[in-house]
Amino acid sequence: MKSIDQWLQLYARDHQHPANKLIHWICVPVIFFTVLGLLWCIPLRLEAKPWINAATVFYVLALAFYFRLSIPLFIGFLLVGGAMLLIHALLYEQIGAQMYLYIQLGLFVIAWIFQFIGHKLEGQKPAFFEDLQFLLIGPAWILHFIYKKIGIDYK
């Protein structure tokens, strides 16, 4: 398995253009949020336990991936992802399942359109074409920059 530095270095290779970086700073968190939101709309037939759904299963698996790469990033994603899941729990109930699905799907598609525009400007294919694990490295790439900015070691 690659180290967190190896993953981030490979990811950074395809994200040099300033406009592409800016697009990723906005769209990667939106995509992460909407993936959780779309998955939140998939119940696992445990009506008495609404927190057990496809989003929480995915989140636990993603946390295991981050835990293997970096404990500080794992903690960051524990907090950020947990907050995102709480937002989904609250909004899903307020908005209703069908409308919530449409909103999440719309945001997801718009964010990916911008991601592809960014990569067109970059002149590089998205990194996940090489390895699907890069879909989880994008959020780590953003969080590691935030950590560096506030003086937290991400390793």
C-alpha atoms as a PDB file:
ATOM      1  CA  MET A   1       0.000   0.000   0.000  1.00  0.00           C
ATOM      2  CA  LYS A   2       1.196   3.497  -0.848  1.00  0.00           C
ATOM      3  CA  SER A   3       1.994   5.941   1.942  1.00  0.00           C
ATOM      4  CA  ILE A   4      -0.060   9.109   2.346  1.00  0.00           C
ATOM      5  CA  ASP A   5       2.834  11.130   0.900  1.00  0.00           C
ATOM      6  CA  GLN A   6       2.999   8.892  -2.165  1.00  0.00           C
ATOM      7  CA  TRP A   7      -0.742   9.223  -2.734  1.00  0.00           C
ATOM      8  CA  LEU A   8      -0.672  13.015  -2.303  1.00  0.00           C
ATOM      9  CA  GLN A   9       2.330  13.375  -4.595  1.00  0.00           C
ATOM     10  CA  LEU A  10       0.627  11.345  -7.317  1.00  0.00           C
ATOM     11  CA  TYR A  11      -2.589  13.311  -6.895  1.00  0.00           C
ATOM     12  CA  ALA A  12      -0.762  16.654  -6.982  1.00  0.00           C
ATOM     13  CA  ARG A  13       0.918  15.662 -10.251  1.00  0.00           C
ATOM     14  CA  ASP A  14      -2.416  16.041 -12.060  1.00  0.00           C
ATOM     15  CA  HIS A  15      -3.533  19.153 -10.196  1.00  0.00           C
ATOM     16  CA  GLN A  16      -1.087  21.950 -11.013  1.00  0.00           C
ATOM     17  CA  HIS A  17      -3.187  24.443 -12.979  1.00  0.00           C
ATOM     18  CA  PRO A  18      -4.477  27.221 -10.656  1.00  0.00           C
ATOM     19  CA  ALA A  19      -8.030  27.060 -12.045  1.00  0.00           C
ATOM     20  CA  ASN A  20      -8.110  23.272 -11.691  1.00  0.00           C
ATOM     21  CA  LYS A  21      -6.888  23.553  -8.105  1.00  0.00           C
ATOM     22  CA  LEU A  22      -9.593  26.113  -7.294  1.00  0.00           C
ATOM     23  CA  ILE A  23     -12.270  23.965  -8.911  1.00  0.00           C
ATOM     24  CA  HIS A  24     -11.082  20.990  -6.840  1.00  0.00           C
ATOM     25  CA  TRP A  25     -11.084  23.022  -3.631  1.00  0.00           C
ATOM     26  CA  ILE A  26     -14.771  23.702  -4.211  1.00  0.00           C
ATOM     27  CA  CYS A  27     -15.980  20.564  -5.961  1.00  0.00           C
ATOM     28  CA  VAL A  28     -14.157  17.804  -4.062  1.00  0.00           C
ATOM     29  CA  PRO A  29     -15.934  18.625  -0.776  1.00  0.00           C
ATOM     30  CA  VAL A  30     -19.231  18.991  -2.660  1.00  0.00           C
ATOM     31  CA  ILE A  31     -18.745  15.590  -4.286  1.00  0.00           C
ATOM     32  CA  PHE A  32     -17.811  13.965  -0.971  1.00  0.00           C
ATOM     33  CA  PHE A  33     -20.902  15.531   0.617  1.00  0.00           C
ATOM     34  CA  THR A  34     -23.211  14.496  -2.218  1.00  0.00           C
ATOM     35  CA  VAL A  35     -21.863  10.945  -2.357  1.00  0.00           C
ATOM     36  CA  LEU A  36     -22.815  10.637   1.303  1.00  0.00           C
ATOM     37  CA  GLY A  37     -26.155  12.275   0.516  1.00  0.00           C
ATOM     38  CA  LEU A  38     -26.906   9.949  -2.377  1.00  0.00           C
ATOM     39  CA  LEU A  39     -25.935   6.955  -0.293  1.00  0.00           C
ATOM     40  CA  TRP A  40     -28.068   8.293   2.587  1.00  0.00           C
ATOM     41  CA  CYS A  41     -31.042   7.808   0.288  1.00  0.00           C
ATOM     42  CA  ILE A  42     -30.383   4.045   0.158  1.00  0.00           C
ATOM     43  CA  PRO A  43     -31.893   2.415   3.246  1.00  0.00           C
ATOM     44  CA  LEU A  44     -30.660  -0.965   4.378  1.00  0.00           C
ATOM     45  CA  ARG A  45     -34.104  -2.097   5.525  1.00  0.00           C
ATOM     46  CA  LEU A  46     -33.505  -1.320   9.179  1.00  0.00           C
ATOM     47  CA  GLU A  47     -36.341   1.123   9.763  1.00  0.00           C
ATOM     48  CA  ALA A  48     -35.761   1.213  13.520  1.00  0.00           C
ATOM     49  CA  LYS A  49     -32.147   2.271  12.902  1.00  0.00           C
ATOM     50  CA  PRO A  50     -32.208   5.130  10.349  1.00  0.00           C
ATOM     51  CA  TRP A  51     -28.482   5.782  10.880  1.00  0.00           C
ATOM     52  CA  ILE A  52     -27.684   2.400   9.386  1.00  0.00           C
ATOM     53  CA  ASN A  53     -27.786   3.037   5.677  1.00  0.00           C
ATOM     54  CA  ALA A  54     -25.471   2.912   2.670  1.00  0.00           C
ATOM     55  CA  ALA A  55     -23.895   6.274   3.633  1.00  0.00           C
ATOM     56  CA  THR A  56     -22.812   5.130   7.077  1.00  0.00           C
ATOM     57  CA  VAL A  57     -21.488   1.834   5.706  1.00  0.00           C
ATOM     58  CA  PHE A  58     -19.462   3.703   3.052  1.00  0.00           C
ATOM     59  CA  TYR A  59     -18.277   6.209   5.679  1.00  0.00           C
ATOM     60  CA  VAL A  60     -16.977   3.452   7.973  1.00  0.00           C
ATOM     61  CA  LEU A  61     -15.123   1.839   5.052  1.00  0.00           C
ATOM     62  CA  ALA A  62     -13.664   5.213   4.025  1.00  0.00           C
ATOM     63  CA  LEU A  63     -12.572   5.828   7.614  1.00  0.00           C
ATOM     64  CA  ALA A  64     -10.752   2.480   7.607  1.00  0.00           C
ATOM     65  CA  PHE A  65      -8.925   3.579   4.431  1.00  0.00           C
ATOM     66  CA  TYR A  66      -7.926   6.903   6.019  1.00  0.00           C
ATOM     67  CA  PHE A  67      -6.927   5.192   9.278  1.00  0.00           C
ATOM     68  CA  ARG A  68      -4.413   3.048   7.371  1.00  0.00           C
ATOM     69  CA  LEU A  69      -2.948   6.151   5.696  1.00  0.00           C
ATOM     70  CA  SER A  70      -2.846   8.733   8.478  1.00  0.00           C
ATOM     71  CA  ILE A  71      -4.276   8.925  11.992  1.00  0.00           C
ATOM     72  CA  PRO A  72      -4.547  12.759  11.876  1.00  0.00           C
ATOM     73  CA  LEU A  73      -6.428  12.630   8.562  1.00  0.00           C
ATOM     74  CA  PHE A  74      -8.616   9.852   9.966  1.00  0.00           C
ATOM     75  CA  ILE A  75      -9.540  12.120  12.896  1.00  0.00           C
ATOM     76  CA  GLY A  76     -10.277  14.993  10.515  1.00  0.00           C
ATOM     77  CA  PHE A  77     -12.539  12.806   8.407  1.00  0.00           C
ATOM     78  CA  LEU A  78     -14.181  11.403  11.515  1.00  0.00           C
ATOM     79  CA  LEU A  79     -15.200  14.964  12.400  1.00  0.00           C
ATOM     80  CA  VAL A  80     -15.934  16.302   8.916  1.00  0.00           C
ATOM     81  CA  GLY A  81     -17.729  13.194   7.689  1.00  0.00           C
ATOM     82  CA  GLY A  82     -19.638  12.898  10.947  1.00  0.00           C
ATOM     83  CA  ALA A  83     -20.833  16.491  10.564  1.00  0.00           C
ATOM     84  CA  MET A  84     -21.830  15.784   6.968  1.00  0.00           C
ATOM     85  CA  LEU A  85     -23.822  12.731   8.028  1.00  0.00           C
ATOM     86  CA  LEU A  86     -25.574  14.762  10.721  1.00  0.00           C
ATOM     87  CA  ILE A  87     -26.492  17.398   8.113  1.00  0.00           C
ATOM     88  CA  HIS A  88     -27.843  14.673   5.835  1.00  0.00           C
ATOM     89  CA  ALA A  89     -29.868  13.158   8.658  1.00  0.00           C
ATOM     90  CA  LEU A  90     -31.458  16.515   9.438  1.00  0.00           C
ATOM     91  CA  LEU A  91     -32.054  17.660   5.855  1.00  0.00           C
ATOM     92  CA  TYR A  92     -33.294  14.304   4.593  1.00  0.00           C
ATOM     93  CA  GLU A  93     -36.106  14.349   7.130  1.00  0.00           C
ATOM     94  CA  GLN A  94     -36.964  17.995   6.426  1.00  0.00           C
ATOM     95  CA  ILE A  95     -36.906  17.824   2.629  1.00  0.00           C
ATOM     96  CA  GLY A  96     -38.191  14.317   2.023  1.00  0.00           C
ATOM     97  CA  ALA A  97     -36.554  11.350   0.338  1.00  0.00           C
ATOM     98  CA  GLN A  98     -37.396  11.976  -3.304  1.00  0.00           C
ATOM     99  CA  MET A  99     -36.555  15.698  -3.364  1.00  0.00           C
ATOM    100  CA  TYR A 100     -33.404  15.067  -1.350  1.00  0.00           C
ATOM    101  CA  LEU A 101     -32.265  12.488  -3.886  1.00  0.00           C
ATOM    102  CA  TYR A 102     -32.827  14.960  -6.745  1.00  0.00           C
ATOM    103  CA  ILE A 103     -30.942  17.747  -4.970  1.00  0.00           C
ATOM    104  CA  GLN A 104     -27.971  15.513  -4.176  1.00  0.00           C
ATOM    105  CA  LEU A 105     -27.910  14.110  -7.702  1.00  0.00           C
ATOM    106  CA  GLY A 106     -28.048  17.601  -9.229  1.00  0.00           C
ATOM    107  CA  LEU A 107     -25.200  18.899  -7.064  1.00  0.00           C
ATOM    108  CA  PHE A 108     -23.172  15.763  -7.769  1.00  0.00           C
ATOM    109  CA  VAL A 109     -23.526  16.132 -11.557  1.00  0.00           C
ATOM    110  CA  ILE A 110     -22.750  19.873 -11.507  1.00  0.00           C
ATOM    111  CA  ALA A 111     -19.641  19.330  -9.366  1.00  0.00           C
ATOM    112  CA  TRP A 112     -18.375  16.589 -11.692  1.00  0.00           C
ATOM    113  CA  ILE A 113     -18.947  18.791 -14.750  1.00  0.00           C
ATOM    114  CA  PHE A 114     -16.705  21.409 -13.149  1.00  0.00           C
ATOM    115  CA  GLN A 115     -14.138  18.749 -12.211  1.00  0.00           C
ATOM    116  CA  PHE A 116     -13.913  17.667 -15.859  1.00  0.00           C
ATOM    117  CA  ILE A 117     -13.620  21.310 -16.965  1.00  0.00           C
ATOM    118  CA  GLY A 118     -10.734  21.686 -14.524  1.00  0.00           C
ATOM    119  CA  HIS A 119      -9.022  18.622 -15.906  1.00  0.00           C
ATOM    120  CA  LYS A 120      -9.543  19.889 -19.464  1.00  0.00           C
ATOM    121  CA  LEU A 121      -7.720  23.083 -18.428  1.00  0.00           C
ATOM    122  CA  GLU A 122      -5.045  20.957 -16.763  1.00  0.00           C
ATOM    123  CA  GLY A 123      -4.629  18.781 -19.825  1.00  0.00           C
ATOM    124  CA  GLN A 124      -4.754  15.651 -17.655  1.00  0.00           C
ATOM    125  CA  LYS A 125      -7.338  12.950 -17.140  1.00  0.00           C
ATOM    126  CA  PRO A 126      -8.752  12.707 -13.620  1.00  0.00           C
ATOM    127  CA  ALA A 127      -6.511  10.614 -11.376  1.00  0.00           C
ATOM    128  CA  PHE A 128      -9.273   8.117 -10.596  1.00  0.00           C
ATOM    129  CA  PHE A 129      -9.068   6.894 -14.213  1.00  0.00           C
ATOM    130  CA  GLU A 130      -5.738   5.406 -13.104  1.00  0.00           C
ATOM    131  CA  ASP A 131      -6.900   4.094  -9.710  1.00  0.00           C
ATOM    132  CA  LEU A 132     -10.342   4.405  -8.092  1.00  0.00           C
ATOM    133  CA  GLN A 133      -8.712   4.951  -4.703  1.00  0.00           C
ATOM    134  CA  PHE A 134      -7.936   8.484  -5.892  1.00  0.00           C
ATOM    135  CA  LEU A 135     -11.626   9.243  -5.296  1.00  0.00           C
ATOM    136  CA  LEU A 136     -10.777   9.077  -1.569  1.00  0.00           C
ATOM    137  CA  ILE A 137      -7.413  10.813  -1.994  1.00  0.00           C
ATOM    138  CA  GLY A 138      -9.007  14.006  -3.342  1.00  0.00           C
ATOM    139  CA  PRO A 139     -10.630  14.837   0.006  1.00  0.00           C
ATOM    140  CA  ALA A 140      -7.391  13.903   1.817  1.00  0.00           C
ATOM    141  CA  TRP A 141      -5.474  16.234  -0.509  1.00  0.00           C
ATOM    142  CA  ILE A 142      -7.740  19.124   0.518  1.00  0.00           C
ATOM    143  CA  LEU A 143      -7.600  18.250   4.227  1.00  0.00           C
ATOM    144  CA  HIS A 144      -3.801  17.894   4.229  1.00  0.00           C
ATOM    145  CA  PHE A 145      -3.485  21.472   2.892  1.00  0.00           C
ATOM    146  CA  ILE A 146      -5.812  22.709   5.636  1.00  0.00           C
ATOM    147  CA  TYR A 147      -3.739  20.860   8.228  1.00  0.00           C
ATOM    148  CA  LYS A 148      -0.502  22.341   6.883  1.00  0.00           C
ATOM    149  CA  LYS A 149      -2.037  25.848   6.943  1.00  0.00           C
ATOM    150  CA  ILE A 150      -3.037  25.571  10.617  1.00  0.00           C
ATOM    151  CA  GLY A 151       0.135  23.761  11.661  1.00  0.00           C
ATOM    152  CA  ILE A 152      -1.149  20.210  12.167  1.00  0.00           C
ATOM    153  CA  ASP A 153       1.025  17.317  10.980  1.00  0.00           C
ATOM    154  CA  TYR A 154      -1.056  15.216   8.609  1.00  0.00           C
ATOM    155  CA  LYS A 155       1.140  12.079   8.827  1.00  0.00           C
END
